[in-house]
Amino acid sequence: MIIKSSTFMTSAVKPSQYPDPGPPEIAFAGRSNVGKSSLINVLVNRKRLVKASSTPGRTRLVNFFNINDAFSFVDLPGYGYAKVPVSISRTWGPMIETYLQSRTSLKGVVMIVDIRRDPREGEFNLLDWLNHNQLDRIIVVTKADKFSKTKQKQRLAAIANGLSMRASDLILFSSKSRVGKELIWDKIEGLLDLENSAQTAETPCT
């Protein structure tokens, strides 16, 4: 994918604040501090399109980004950070579920897992929810540079086992080495199906 432009569109907490549906969207979801912002920035070749906070749990909105004037990336709030006030953390589940369930232009979800952490309730719940609602997903395991190649394989196997998947179902990624970037884009392009989306948009109603 050649990135010609990537711009922030808007932030939202409820559907009335979403951009008008139209171009296809890919959402990014994962636990707080999982490397979601870094992944998106690497994919679009920008250092700070998505601002990564030094304090986990700061992303509390659904953020929309226009990519190439052809599709959108949607950065969903991170979940599972214990130090976030309960009153705030309780709003995240409904906020994320409302977007995932109601957004007609959503084509798939990039679910992000930290290679250093075994899957827990948050990952299980998200994956079950995606499967139940028949949403396509790409599972990306971030921060690969934290381990040697041998340890990476061990961690991938452990994470895949925890998610009841095969290791080949996961994509290993590092924001430092850029490993996995092209494979992730291949998967995203498959979900976007931009050629057919454009044809559908141009076809007049009869």
N, C-alpha and C. Protein backbone atom coordinates (compact mmCIF):
# COMPACT_ATOMS: atom_id res chain seq x y z
N MET A 1 0.85 -1.20 0.00
CA MET A 1 0.00 0.00 0.00
C MET A 1 0.88 1.25 0.00
N ILE A 2 0.65 2.13 -0.96
CA ILE A 2 1.36 3.40 -1.02
C ILE A 2 0.50 4.45 -0.30
N ILE A 3 1.06 5.03 0.76
CA ILE A 3 0.33 6.02 1.53
C ILE A 3 0.63 7.42 0.98
N LYS A 4 -0.40 8.05 0.41
CA LYS A 4 -0.25 9.39 -0.13
C LYS A 4 -0.67 10.46 0.87
N SER A 5 -1.61 10.12 1.73
CA SER A 5 -2.07 11.09 2.73
C SER A 5 -2.68 10.36 3.91
N SER A 6 -2.53 10.94 5.09
CA SER A 6 -3.14 10.40 6.30
C SER A 6 -3.40 11.56 7.25
N THR A 7 -4.65 11.78 7.58
CA THR A 7 -5.01 12.93 8.40
C THR A 7 -6.02 12.55 9.46
N PHE A 8 -5.94 13.23 10.60
CA PHE A 8 -6.92 13.05 11.65
C PHE A 8 -8.24 13.67 11.21
N MET A 9 -9.34 12.95 11.49
CA MET A 9 -10.66 13.44 11.11
C MET A 9 -11.42 13.99 12.32
N THR A 10 -11.71 13.11 13.28
CA THR A 10 -12.48 13.54 14.44
C THR A 10 -12.41 12.49 15.54
N SER A 11 -12.81 12.90 16.74
CA SER A 11 -12.95 11.99 17.87
C SER A 11 -14.41 11.90 18.25
N ALA A 12 -14.82 10.76 18.81
CA ALA A 12 -16.23 10.57 19.13
C ALA A 12 -16.40 9.68 20.35
N VAL A 13 -17.53 9.82 21.01
CA VAL A 13 -17.89 8.92 22.10
C VAL A 13 -19.21 8.23 21.82
N LYS A 14 -19.95 8.71 20.79
CA LYS A 14 -21.25 8.12 20.47
C LYS A 14 -21.50 8.23 18.97
N PRO A 15 -22.40 7.42 18.42
CA PRO A 15 -22.61 7.38 16.97
C PRO A 15 -22.94 8.71 16.33
N SER A 16 -23.64 9.60 17.04
CA SER A 16 -24.00 10.88 16.44
C SER A 16 -22.78 11.75 16.14
N GLN A 17 -21.63 11.38 16.75
CA GLN A 17 -20.40 12.14 16.54
C GLN A 17 -19.49 11.48 15.51
N TYR A 18 -19.87 10.30 15.01
CA TYR A 18 -19.06 9.63 13.99
C TYR A 18 -19.13 10.40 12.68
N PRO A 19 -18.10 10.28 11.83
CA PRO A 19 -18.21 10.82 10.47
C PRO A 19 -19.33 10.08 9.73
N ASP A 20 -19.87 10.72 8.71
CA ASP A 20 -20.89 10.05 7.91
C ASP A 20 -20.32 8.76 7.33
N PRO A 21 -21.06 7.65 7.39
CA PRO A 21 -20.55 6.40 6.84
C PRO A 21 -20.36 6.51 5.34
N GLY A 22 -19.39 5.82 4.83
CA GLY A 22 -19.11 5.88 3.40
C GLY A 22 -17.91 5.03 3.07
N PRO A 23 -16.68 5.61 3.08
CA PRO A 23 -15.49 4.82 2.79
C PRO A 23 -15.31 3.69 3.80
N PRO A 24 -14.74 2.58 3.39
CA PRO A 24 -14.54 1.45 4.32
C PRO A 24 -13.62 1.82 5.47
N GLU A 25 -13.82 1.16 6.60
CA GLU A 25 -13.04 1.44 7.81
C GLU A 25 -12.42 0.17 8.36
N ILE A 26 -11.22 0.32 8.91
CA ILE A 26 -10.53 -0.73 9.64
C ILE A 26 -10.29 -0.22 11.06
N ALA A 27 -10.77 -0.95 12.06
CA ALA A 27 -10.61 -0.53 13.45
C ALA A 27 -9.43 -1.25 14.09
N PHE A 28 -8.80 -0.59 15.06
CA PHE A 28 -7.68 -1.14 15.80
C PHE A 28 -8.07 -1.22 17.28
N ALA A 29 -7.96 -2.41 17.86
CA ALA A 29 -8.39 -2.61 19.24
C ALA A 29 -7.35 -3.41 19.99
N GLY A 30 -7.17 -3.09 21.27
CA GLY A 30 -6.22 -3.83 22.09
C GLY A 30 -6.12 -3.24 23.48
N ARG A 31 -5.44 -3.97 24.32
CA ARG A 31 -5.24 -3.54 25.70
C ARG A 31 -4.42 -2.25 25.74
N SER A 32 -4.61 -1.44 26.78
CA SER A 32 -3.81 -0.23 26.95
C SER A 32 -2.32 -0.56 26.95
N ASN A 33 -1.53 0.30 26.30
CA ASN A 33 -0.07 0.16 26.24
C ASN A 33 0.39 -1.05 25.43
N VAL A 34 -0.46 -1.50 24.50
CA VAL A 34 -0.13 -2.66 23.68
C VAL A 34 0.68 -2.29 22.44
N GLY A 35 0.78 -0.98 22.16
CA GLY A 35 1.52 -0.54 20.98
C GLY A 35 0.62 -0.23 19.80
N LYS A 36 -0.62 0.09 20.07
CA LYS A 36 -1.61 0.38 19.02
C LYS A 36 -1.23 1.63 18.22
N SER A 37 -0.88 2.70 18.92
CA SER A 37 -0.52 3.95 18.25
C SER A 37 0.72 3.76 17.38
N SER A 38 1.71 3.06 17.90
CA SER A 38 2.94 2.82 17.14
C SER A 38 2.66 2.01 15.89
N LEU A 39 1.79 1.02 15.99
CA LEU A 39 1.44 0.20 14.83
C LEU A 39 0.81 1.04 13.74
N ILE A 40 -0.18 1.86 14.09
CA ILE A 40 -0.84 2.69 13.09
C ILE A 40 0.14 3.67 12.46
N ASN A 41 0.98 4.29 13.27
CA ASN A 41 1.96 5.25 12.74
C ASN A 41 2.91 4.60 11.75
N VAL A 42 3.36 3.38 12.05
CA VAL A 42 4.26 2.67 11.13
C VAL A 42 3.53 2.33 9.83
N LEU A 43 2.30 1.90 9.93
CA LEU A 43 1.55 1.52 8.74
C LEU A 43 1.38 2.69 7.77
N VAL A 44 1.22 3.89 8.30
CA VAL A 44 0.98 5.05 7.43
C VAL A 44 2.24 5.91 7.24
N ASN A 45 3.37 5.40 7.73
CA ASN A 45 4.65 6.09 7.57
C ASN A 45 4.66 7.49 8.18
N ARG A 46 4.05 7.61 9.34
CA ARG A 46 4.04 8.87 10.07
C ARG A 46 4.55 8.63 11.49
N LYS A 47 5.26 9.61 12.03
CA LYS A 47 5.78 9.46 13.38
C LYS A 47 4.74 9.73 14.45
N ARG A 48 3.85 10.70 14.18
CA ARG A 48 2.92 11.09 15.23
C ARG A 48 1.52 11.38 14.70
N LEU A 49 1.06 10.60 13.71
CA LEU A 49 -0.33 10.75 13.31
C LEU A 49 -1.22 10.41 14.51
N VAL A 50 -0.91 9.27 15.13
CA VAL A 50 -1.58 8.90 16.37
C VAL A 50 -0.61 9.18 17.50
N LYS A 51 -0.99 10.00 18.43
CA LYS A 51 -0.10 10.37 19.52
C LYS A 51 -0.13 9.32 20.62
N ALA A 52 1.03 8.75 20.89
CA ALA A 52 1.14 7.74 21.94
C ALA A 52 1.40 8.43 23.26
N SER A 53 0.57 8.16 24.25
CA SER A 53 0.74 8.77 25.56
C SER A 53 1.71 7.96 26.40
N SER A 54 2.46 8.65 27.25
CA SER A 54 3.36 7.96 28.18
C SER A 54 2.59 7.33 29.33
N THR A 55 1.33 7.71 29.46
CA THR A 55 0.48 7.17 30.52
C THR A 55 -0.56 6.25 29.91
N PRO A 56 -0.48 4.92 30.18
CA PRO A 56 -1.47 4.00 29.63
C PRO A 56 -2.88 4.39 30.05
N GLY A 57 -3.83 4.13 29.13
CA GLY A 57 -5.22 4.41 29.47
C GLY A 57 -5.69 5.80 29.12
N ARG A 58 -4.86 6.57 28.41
CA ARG A 58 -5.23 7.94 28.10
C ARG A 58 -6.18 8.04 26.90
N THR A 59 -6.15 7.03 26.01
CA THR A 59 -7.02 7.07 24.84
C THR A 59 -8.43 6.71 25.28
N ARG A 60 -9.30 7.72 25.34
CA ARG A 60 -10.65 7.50 25.87
C ARG A 60 -11.73 7.82 24.85
N LEU A 61 -11.33 7.97 23.60
CA LEU A 61 -12.26 8.32 22.54
C LEU A 61 -12.07 7.38 21.35
N VAL A 62 -13.07 7.34 20.48
CA VAL A 62 -12.95 6.65 19.20
C VAL A 62 -12.42 7.68 18.21
N ASN A 63 -11.21 7.44 17.71
CA ASN A 63 -10.53 8.42 16.84
C ASN A 63 -10.51 7.93 15.39
N PHE A 64 -10.92 8.80 14.47
CA PHE A 64 -11.02 8.46 13.06
C PHE A 64 -9.91 9.17 12.26
N PHE A 65 -9.29 8.42 11.33
CA PHE A 65 -8.22 8.95 10.49
C PHE A 65 -8.50 8.63 9.03
N ASN A 66 -8.40 9.64 8.18
CA ASN A 66 -8.61 9.48 6.75
C ASN A 66 -7.30 9.05 6.10
N ILE A 67 -7.33 7.94 5.38
CA ILE A 67 -6.13 7.43 4.71
C ILE A 67 -6.35 7.47 3.20
N ASN A 68 -5.52 8.23 2.51
CA ASN A 68 -5.54 8.31 1.04
C ASN A 68 -6.88 8.77 0.48
N ASP A 69 -7.72 9.39 1.30
CA ASP A 69 -9.07 9.77 0.85
C ASP A 69 -9.82 8.57 0.28
N ALA A 70 -9.46 7.38 0.74
CA ALA A 70 -10.07 6.16 0.20
C ALA A 70 -10.66 5.27 1.29
N PHE A 71 -10.10 5.33 2.50
CA PHE A 71 -10.59 4.51 3.60
C PHE A 71 -10.16 5.15 4.91
N SER A 72 -10.62 4.60 6.01
CA SER A 72 -10.31 5.17 7.32
C SER A 72 -9.75 4.13 8.27
N PHE A 73 -8.85 4.56 9.13
CA PHE A 73 -8.43 3.79 10.29
C PHE A 73 -9.17 4.35 11.50
N VAL A 74 -9.59 3.48 12.39
CA VAL A 74 -10.31 3.90 13.58
C VAL A 74 -9.59 3.34 14.80
N ASP A 75 -9.10 4.25 15.62
CA ASP A 75 -8.35 3.90 16.83
C ASP A 75 -9.32 3.83 18.00
N LEU A 76 -9.56 2.62 18.51
CA LEU A 76 -10.50 2.42 19.61
C LEU A 76 -9.79 2.55 20.96
N PRO A 77 -10.50 2.95 22.00
CA PRO A 77 -9.88 3.10 23.32
C PRO A 77 -9.26 1.79 23.80
N GLY A 78 -8.07 1.90 24.42
CA GLY A 78 -7.45 0.72 25.02
C GLY A 78 -8.22 0.29 26.26
N TYR A 79 -8.16 -0.98 26.56
CA TYR A 79 -8.90 -1.50 27.71
C TYR A 79 -7.95 -2.17 28.69
N GLY A 80 -8.42 -2.36 29.90
CA GLY A 80 -7.72 -3.21 30.85
C GLY A 80 -6.65 -2.55 31.68
N TYR A 81 -6.60 -1.21 31.73
CA TYR A 81 -5.58 -0.56 32.56
C TYR A 81 -6.14 -0.28 33.94
N ALA A 82 -5.58 -0.91 34.96
CA ALA A 82 -6.17 -0.93 36.30
C ALA A 82 -6.23 0.44 36.95
N LYS A 83 -5.31 1.36 36.60
CA LYS A 83 -5.25 2.64 37.30
C LYS A 83 -6.25 3.67 36.76
N VAL A 84 -6.96 3.31 35.70
CA VAL A 84 -7.98 4.22 35.19
C VAL A 84 -9.18 4.19 36.13
N PRO A 85 -9.75 5.34 36.46
CA PRO A 85 -10.92 5.36 37.35
C PRO A 85 -12.04 4.45 36.85
N VAL A 86 -12.70 3.77 37.77
CA VAL A 86 -13.75 2.82 37.41
C VAL A 86 -14.84 3.50 36.60
N SER A 87 -15.18 4.74 36.96
CA SER A 87 -16.25 5.46 36.26
C SER A 87 -15.93 5.65 34.79
N ILE A 88 -14.63 5.77 34.47
CA ILE A 88 -14.22 5.93 33.08
C ILE A 88 -14.11 4.58 32.38
N SER A 89 -13.49 3.61 33.05
CA SER A 89 -13.29 2.30 32.42
C SER A 89 -14.61 1.64 32.05
N ARG A 90 -15.65 1.90 32.82
CA ARG A 90 -16.96 1.30 32.54
C ARG A 90 -17.57 1.82 31.25
N THR A 91 -17.13 2.99 30.81
CA THR A 91 -17.69 3.54 29.57
C THR A 91 -17.02 2.96 28.33
N TRP A 92 -15.83 2.37 28.49
CA TRP A 92 -15.08 1.92 27.33
C TRP A 92 -15.73 0.74 26.63
N GLY A 93 -16.16 -0.27 27.42
CA GLY A 93 -16.79 -1.44 26.81
C GLY A 93 -17.97 -1.06 25.95
N PRO A 94 -18.96 -0.34 26.50
CA PRO A 94 -20.09 0.08 25.68
C PRO A 94 -19.69 0.95 24.49
N MET A 95 -18.69 1.83 24.69
CA MET A 95 -18.25 2.71 23.60
C MET A 95 -17.69 1.88 22.44
N ILE A 96 -16.85 0.90 22.77
CA ILE A 96 -16.24 0.05 21.74
C ILE A 96 -17.30 -0.82 21.08
N GLU A 97 -18.15 -1.46 21.89
CA GLU A 97 -19.17 -2.35 21.35
C GLU A 97 -20.17 -1.60 20.48
N THR A 98 -20.53 -0.39 20.88
CA THR A 98 -21.47 0.40 20.08
C THR A 98 -20.89 0.67 18.70
N TYR A 99 -19.61 1.06 18.66
CA TYR A 99 -18.98 1.31 17.35
C TYR A 99 -18.95 0.03 16.53
N LEU A 100 -18.44 -1.05 17.10
CA LEU A 100 -18.27 -2.30 16.36
C LEU A 100 -19.60 -2.85 15.85
N GLN A 101 -20.62 -2.68 16.64
CA GLN A 101 -21.92 -3.26 16.30
C GLN A 101 -22.73 -2.40 15.33
N SER A 102 -22.53 -1.08 15.39
CA SER A 102 -23.41 -0.20 14.62
C SER A 102 -22.80 0.35 13.35
N ARG A 103 -21.49 0.27 13.21
CA ARG A 103 -20.82 0.96 12.10
C ARG A 103 -20.92 0.15 10.81
N THR A 104 -21.72 0.59 9.87
CA THR A 104 -21.97 -0.17 8.65
C THR A 104 -20.77 -0.19 7.71
N SER A 105 -19.88 0.81 7.82
CA SER A 105 -18.71 0.87 6.93
C SER A 105 -17.51 0.10 7.48
N LEU A 106 -17.64 -0.53 8.64
CA LEU A 106 -16.54 -1.29 9.23
C LEU A 106 -16.31 -2.58 8.45
N LYS A 107 -15.07 -2.79 8.02
CA LYS A 107 -14.73 -3.97 7.23
C LYS A 107 -13.96 -5.03 8.03
N GLY A 108 -13.37 -4.63 9.13
CA GLY A 108 -12.61 -5.60 9.92
C GLY A 108 -11.90 -4.92 11.06
N VAL A 109 -11.36 -5.75 11.97
CA VAL A 109 -10.71 -5.25 13.18
C VAL A 109 -9.31 -5.84 13.30
N VAL A 110 -8.34 -4.98 13.52
CA VAL A 110 -6.99 -5.43 13.86
C VAL A 110 -6.93 -5.55 15.37
N MET A 111 -6.87 -6.77 15.88
CA MET A 111 -6.80 -7.02 17.31
C MET A 111 -5.33 -7.18 17.69
N ILE A 112 -4.88 -6.40 18.66
CA ILE A 112 -3.46 -6.30 18.98
C ILE A 112 -3.17 -6.92 20.33
N VAL A 113 -2.13 -7.74 20.37
CA VAL A 113 -1.71 -8.43 21.59
C VAL A 113 -0.23 -8.17 21.82
N ASP A 114 0.17 -7.90 23.04
CA ASP A 114 1.58 -7.68 23.42
C ASP A 114 2.26 -9.03 23.56
N ILE A 115 3.40 -9.20 22.87
CA ILE A 115 4.10 -10.48 22.89
C ILE A 115 4.55 -10.87 24.30
N ARG A 116 4.68 -9.90 25.18
CA ARG A 116 5.16 -10.17 26.54
C ARG A 116 4.06 -10.66 27.48
N ARG A 117 2.80 -10.58 27.03
CA ARG A 117 1.68 -10.87 27.91
C ARG A 117 0.85 -12.04 27.38
N ASP A 118 0.46 -12.94 28.24
CA ASP A 118 -0.47 -13.99 27.86
C ASP A 118 -1.87 -13.40 27.71
N PRO A 119 -2.67 -13.92 26.78
CA PRO A 119 -4.04 -13.43 26.64
C PRO A 119 -4.82 -13.59 27.94
N ARG A 120 -5.66 -12.58 28.22
CA ARG A 120 -6.48 -12.61 29.44
C ARG A 120 -7.94 -12.34 29.09
N GLU A 121 -8.72 -12.05 30.10
CA GLU A 121 -10.16 -11.91 29.90
C GLU A 121 -10.51 -10.88 28.84
N GLY A 122 -9.79 -9.75 28.83
CA GLY A 122 -10.08 -8.72 27.84
C GLY A 122 -9.94 -9.23 26.42
N GLU A 123 -8.86 -9.96 26.14
CA GLU A 123 -8.64 -10.52 24.80
C GLU A 123 -9.68 -11.58 24.48
N PHE A 124 -9.98 -12.45 25.45
CA PHE A 124 -10.98 -13.49 25.22
C PHE A 124 -12.34 -12.88 24.90
N ASN A 125 -12.72 -11.87 25.67
CA ASN A 125 -14.03 -11.24 25.46
C ASN A 125 -14.11 -10.56 24.10
N LEU A 126 -13.04 -9.84 23.72
CA LEU A 126 -13.04 -9.16 22.44
C LEU A 126 -13.11 -10.15 21.29
N LEU A 127 -12.31 -11.21 21.36
CA LEU A 127 -12.30 -12.20 20.29
C LEU A 127 -13.65 -12.90 20.19
N ASP A 128 -14.22 -13.27 21.33
CA ASP A 128 -15.54 -13.90 21.33
C ASP A 128 -16.58 -12.97 20.71
N TRP A 129 -16.49 -11.69 21.04
CA TRP A 129 -17.45 -10.71 20.53
C TRP A 129 -17.32 -10.56 19.02
N LEU A 130 -16.08 -10.50 18.53
CA LEU A 130 -15.85 -10.40 17.09
C LEU A 130 -16.38 -11.62 16.36
N ASN A 131 -16.10 -12.80 16.93
CA ASN A 131 -16.57 -14.04 16.31
C ASN A 131 -18.10 -14.11 16.31
N HIS A 132 -18.70 -13.75 17.43
CA HIS A 132 -20.16 -13.80 17.55
C HIS A 132 -20.84 -12.89 16.53
N ASN A 133 -20.23 -11.73 16.28
CA ASN A 133 -20.80 -10.77 15.35
C ASN A 133 -20.25 -10.92 13.93
N GLN A 134 -19.50 -12.00 13.72
CA GLN A 134 -18.98 -12.35 12.40
C GLN A 134 -18.19 -11.20 11.76
N LEU A 135 -17.35 -10.57 12.58
CA LEU A 135 -16.47 -9.51 12.09
C LEU A 135 -15.10 -10.09 11.76
N ASP A 136 -14.61 -9.80 10.58
CA ASP A 136 -13.27 -10.25 10.20
C ASP A 136 -12.24 -9.60 11.11
N ARG A 137 -11.19 -10.36 11.44
CA ARG A 137 -10.16 -9.79 12.31
C ARG A 137 -8.78 -10.24 11.86
N ILE A 138 -7.81 -9.38 12.17
CA ILE A 138 -6.39 -9.66 11.95
C ILE A 138 -5.74 -9.59 13.33
N ILE A 139 -5.06 -10.66 13.74
CA ILE A 139 -4.44 -10.69 15.06
C ILE A 139 -2.96 -10.34 14.92
N VAL A 140 -2.56 -9.23 15.52
CA VAL A 140 -1.17 -8.76 15.44
C VAL A 140 -0.53 -8.82 16.82
N VAL A 141 0.65 -9.43 16.88
CA VAL A 141 1.41 -9.54 18.13
C VAL A 141 2.55 -8.54 18.08
N THR A 142 2.47 -7.51 18.92
CA THR A 142 3.41 -6.40 18.86
C THR A 142 4.62 -6.58 19.77
N LYS A 143 5.58 -5.67 19.61
CA LYS A 143 6.78 -5.59 20.44
C LYS A 143 7.67 -6.82 20.30
N ALA A 144 7.75 -7.32 19.08
CA ALA A 144 8.55 -8.52 18.80
C ALA A 144 10.02 -8.32 19.13
N ASP A 145 10.50 -7.07 19.03
CA ASP A 145 11.91 -6.79 19.27
C ASP A 145 12.33 -7.01 20.72
N LYS A 146 11.38 -7.23 21.60
CA LYS A 146 11.70 -7.46 23.01
C LYS A 146 12.33 -8.83 23.25
N PHE A 147 12.23 -9.73 22.25
CA PHE A 147 12.73 -11.08 22.42
C PHE A 147 13.59 -11.53 21.25
N SER A 148 14.40 -12.54 21.48
CA SER A 148 15.16 -13.18 20.41
C SER A 148 14.20 -13.96 19.51
N LYS A 149 14.67 -14.36 18.34
CA LYS A 149 13.81 -15.09 17.41
C LYS A 149 13.31 -16.40 18.01
N THR A 150 14.16 -17.07 18.77
CA THR A 150 13.74 -18.32 19.42
C THR A 150 12.64 -18.06 20.42
N LYS A 151 12.82 -17.03 21.22
CA LYS A 151 11.81 -16.68 22.22
C LYS A 151 10.53 -16.18 21.56
N GLN A 152 10.66 -15.49 20.43
CA GLN A 152 9.48 -15.03 19.70
C GLN A 152 8.60 -16.21 19.31
N LYS A 153 9.20 -17.26 18.80
CA LYS A 153 8.44 -18.44 18.40
C LYS A 153 7.73 -19.07 19.59
N GLN A 154 8.44 -19.11 20.72
CA GLN A 154 7.84 -19.67 21.93
C GLN A 154 6.65 -18.85 22.39
N ARG A 155 6.81 -17.53 22.36
CA ARG A 155 5.72 -16.65 22.80
C ARG A 155 4.54 -16.69 21.83
N LEU A 156 4.83 -16.76 20.53
CA LEU A 156 3.75 -16.87 19.55
C LEU A 156 2.93 -18.14 19.78
N ALA A 157 3.65 -19.24 20.04
CA ALA A 157 2.97 -20.51 20.29
C ALA A 157 2.10 -20.44 21.54
N ALA A 158 2.62 -19.79 22.58
CA ALA A 158 1.86 -19.67 23.84
C ALA A 158 0.63 -18.80 23.65
N ILE A 159 0.79 -17.68 22.94
CA ILE A 159 -0.35 -16.78 22.71
C ILE A 159 -1.39 -17.45 21.82
N ALA A 160 -0.93 -18.13 20.77
CA ALA A 160 -1.86 -18.83 19.89
C ALA A 160 -2.64 -19.90 20.65
N ASN A 161 -1.94 -20.62 21.50
CA ASN A 161 -2.61 -21.64 22.31
C ASN A 161 -3.66 -21.02 23.22
N GLY A 162 -3.32 -19.88 23.83
CA GLY A 162 -4.25 -19.20 24.71
C GLY A 162 -5.49 -18.71 23.99
N LEU A 163 -5.34 -18.36 22.70
CA LEU A 163 -6.45 -17.87 21.90
C LEU A 163 -7.13 -18.98 21.10
N SER A 164 -6.68 -20.22 21.31
CA SER A 164 -7.21 -21.38 20.57
C SER A 164 -7.04 -21.21 19.07
N MET A 165 -5.83 -20.78 18.68
CA MET A 165 -5.50 -20.57 17.27
C MET A 165 -4.19 -21.27 16.94
N ARG A 166 -3.83 -21.19 15.68
CA ARG A 166 -2.51 -21.64 15.26
C ARG A 166 -1.56 -20.44 15.27
N ALA A 167 -0.29 -20.70 15.49
CA ALA A 167 0.69 -19.61 15.47
C ALA A 167 0.70 -18.91 14.12
N SER A 168 0.39 -19.63 13.05
CA SER A 168 0.37 -19.04 11.71
C SER A 168 -0.80 -18.07 11.53
N ASP A 169 -1.76 -18.09 12.46
CA ASP A 169 -2.88 -17.15 12.39
C ASP A 169 -2.50 -15.77 12.94
N LEU A 170 -1.34 -15.69 13.57
CA LEU A 170 -0.90 -14.44 14.19
C LEU A 170 0.19 -13.79 13.33
N ILE A 171 0.24 -12.46 13.35
CA ILE A 171 1.28 -11.72 12.63
C ILE A 171 2.19 -11.05 13.64
N LEU A 172 3.45 -11.37 13.57
CA LEU A 172 4.45 -10.79 14.46
C LEU A 172 4.84 -9.41 13.94
N PHE A 173 4.90 -8.42 14.85
CA PHE A 173 5.18 -7.04 14.43
C PHE A 173 6.12 -6.35 15.40
N SER A 174 6.99 -5.49 14.84
CA SER A 174 7.85 -4.63 15.64
C SER A 174 7.85 -3.24 15.04
N SER A 175 7.58 -2.22 15.85
CA SER A 175 7.60 -0.85 15.35
C SER A 175 9.03 -0.38 15.09
N LYS A 176 10.01 -1.07 15.67
CA LYS A 176 11.40 -0.69 15.48
C LYS A 176 11.98 -1.28 14.20
N SER A 177 11.80 -2.59 14.00
CA SER A 177 12.36 -3.25 12.82
C SER A 177 11.42 -3.23 11.63
N ARG A 178 10.14 -2.91 11.89
CA ARG A 178 9.08 -2.91 10.86
C ARG A 178 8.72 -4.31 10.39
N VAL A 179 9.20 -5.34 11.06
CA VAL A 179 8.84 -6.69 10.68
C VAL A 179 7.32 -6.84 10.80
N GLY A 180 6.74 -7.47 9.80
CA GLY A 180 5.30 -7.71 9.80
C GLY A 180 4.48 -6.65 9.10
N LYS A 181 5.08 -5.50 8.80
CA LYS A 181 4.32 -4.38 8.22
C LYS A 181 3.65 -4.76 6.91
N GLU A 182 4.41 -5.35 6.00
CA GLU A 182 3.86 -5.67 4.68
C GLU A 182 2.78 -6.73 4.78
N LEU A 183 2.95 -7.71 5.65
CA LEU A 183 1.96 -8.76 5.79
C LEU A 183 0.66 -8.20 6.37
N ILE A 184 0.78 -7.29 7.32
CA ILE A 184 -0.41 -6.65 7.88
C ILE A 184 -1.14 -5.87 6.80
N TRP A 185 -0.40 -5.13 5.98
CA TRP A 185 -1.03 -4.39 4.90
C TRP A 185 -1.72 -5.33 3.91
N ASP A 186 -1.10 -6.46 3.61
CA ASP A 186 -1.73 -7.43 2.70
C ASP A 186 -3.10 -7.86 3.24
N LYS A 187 -3.14 -8.13 4.55
CA LYS A 187 -4.39 -8.56 5.18
C LYS A 187 -5.42 -7.42 5.17
N ILE A 188 -4.96 -6.21 5.49
CA ILE A 188 -5.88 -5.06 5.51
C ILE A 188 -6.45 -4.80 4.12
N GLU A 189 -5.60 -4.84 3.11
CA GLU A 189 -6.07 -4.60 1.75
C GLU A 189 -7.11 -5.64 1.34
N GLY A 190 -6.92 -6.87 1.81
CA GLY A 190 -7.90 -7.92 1.52
C GLY A 190 -9.25 -7.62 2.13
N LEU A 191 -9.24 -7.05 3.34
CA LEU A 191 -10.50 -6.69 3.99
C LEU A 191 -11.15 -5.47 3.35
N LEU A 192 -10.32 -4.51 2.95
CA LEU A 192 -10.85 -3.28 2.36
C LEU A 192 -11.49 -3.53 1.01
N ASP A 193 -10.86 -4.38 0.20
CA ASP A 193 -11.38 -4.68 -1.14
C ASP A 193 -11.77 -3.38 -1.84
N LEU A 194 -10.80 -2.47 -1.96
CA LEU A 194 -11.08 -1.11 -2.42
C LEU A 194 -11.65 -1.05 -3.84
N GLU A 195 -11.20 -1.95 -4.71
CA GLU A 195 -11.69 -1.91 -6.09
C GLU A 195 -13.19 -2.18 -6.14
N ASN A 196 -13.63 -3.22 -5.43
CA ASN A 196 -15.04 -3.53 -5.42
C ASN A 196 -15.84 -2.47 -4.68
N SER A 197 -15.24 -1.89 -3.63
CA SER A 197 -15.92 -0.84 -2.86
C SER A 197 -16.17 0.37 -3.76
N ALA A 198 -15.17 0.72 -4.56
CA ALA A 198 -15.31 1.86 -5.46
C ALA A 198 -16.38 1.60 -6.52
N GLN A 199 -16.40 0.37 -7.04
CA GLN A 199 -17.38 0.03 -8.05
C GLN A 199 -18.78 0.08 -7.49
N THR A 200 -18.94 -0.39 -6.26
CA THR A 200 -20.25 -0.37 -5.60
C THR A 200 -20.72 1.05 -5.40
N ALA A 201 -19.78 1.94 -4.97
CA ALA A 201 -20.13 3.33 -4.72
C ALA A 201 -20.54 4.05 -5.99
N GLU A 202 -19.94 3.63 -7.13
CA GLU A 202 -20.21 4.31 -8.39
C GLU A 202 -21.44 3.75 -9.12
N THR A 203 -21.93 2.60 -8.65
CA THR A 203 -23.07 1.98 -9.31
C THR A 203 -24.35 2.70 -8.92
N PRO A 204 -25.08 3.27 -9.89
CA PRO A 204 -26.32 3.99 -9.54
C PRO A 204 -27.40 3.05 -9.06
N CYS A 205 -28.24 3.55 -8.16
CA CYS A 205 -29.34 2.75 -7.66
C CYS A 205 -30.42 2.65 -8.72
N THR A 206 -31.07 1.50 -8.81
CA THR A 206 -32.13 1.31 -9.79
C THR A 206 -33.43 1.00 -9.10
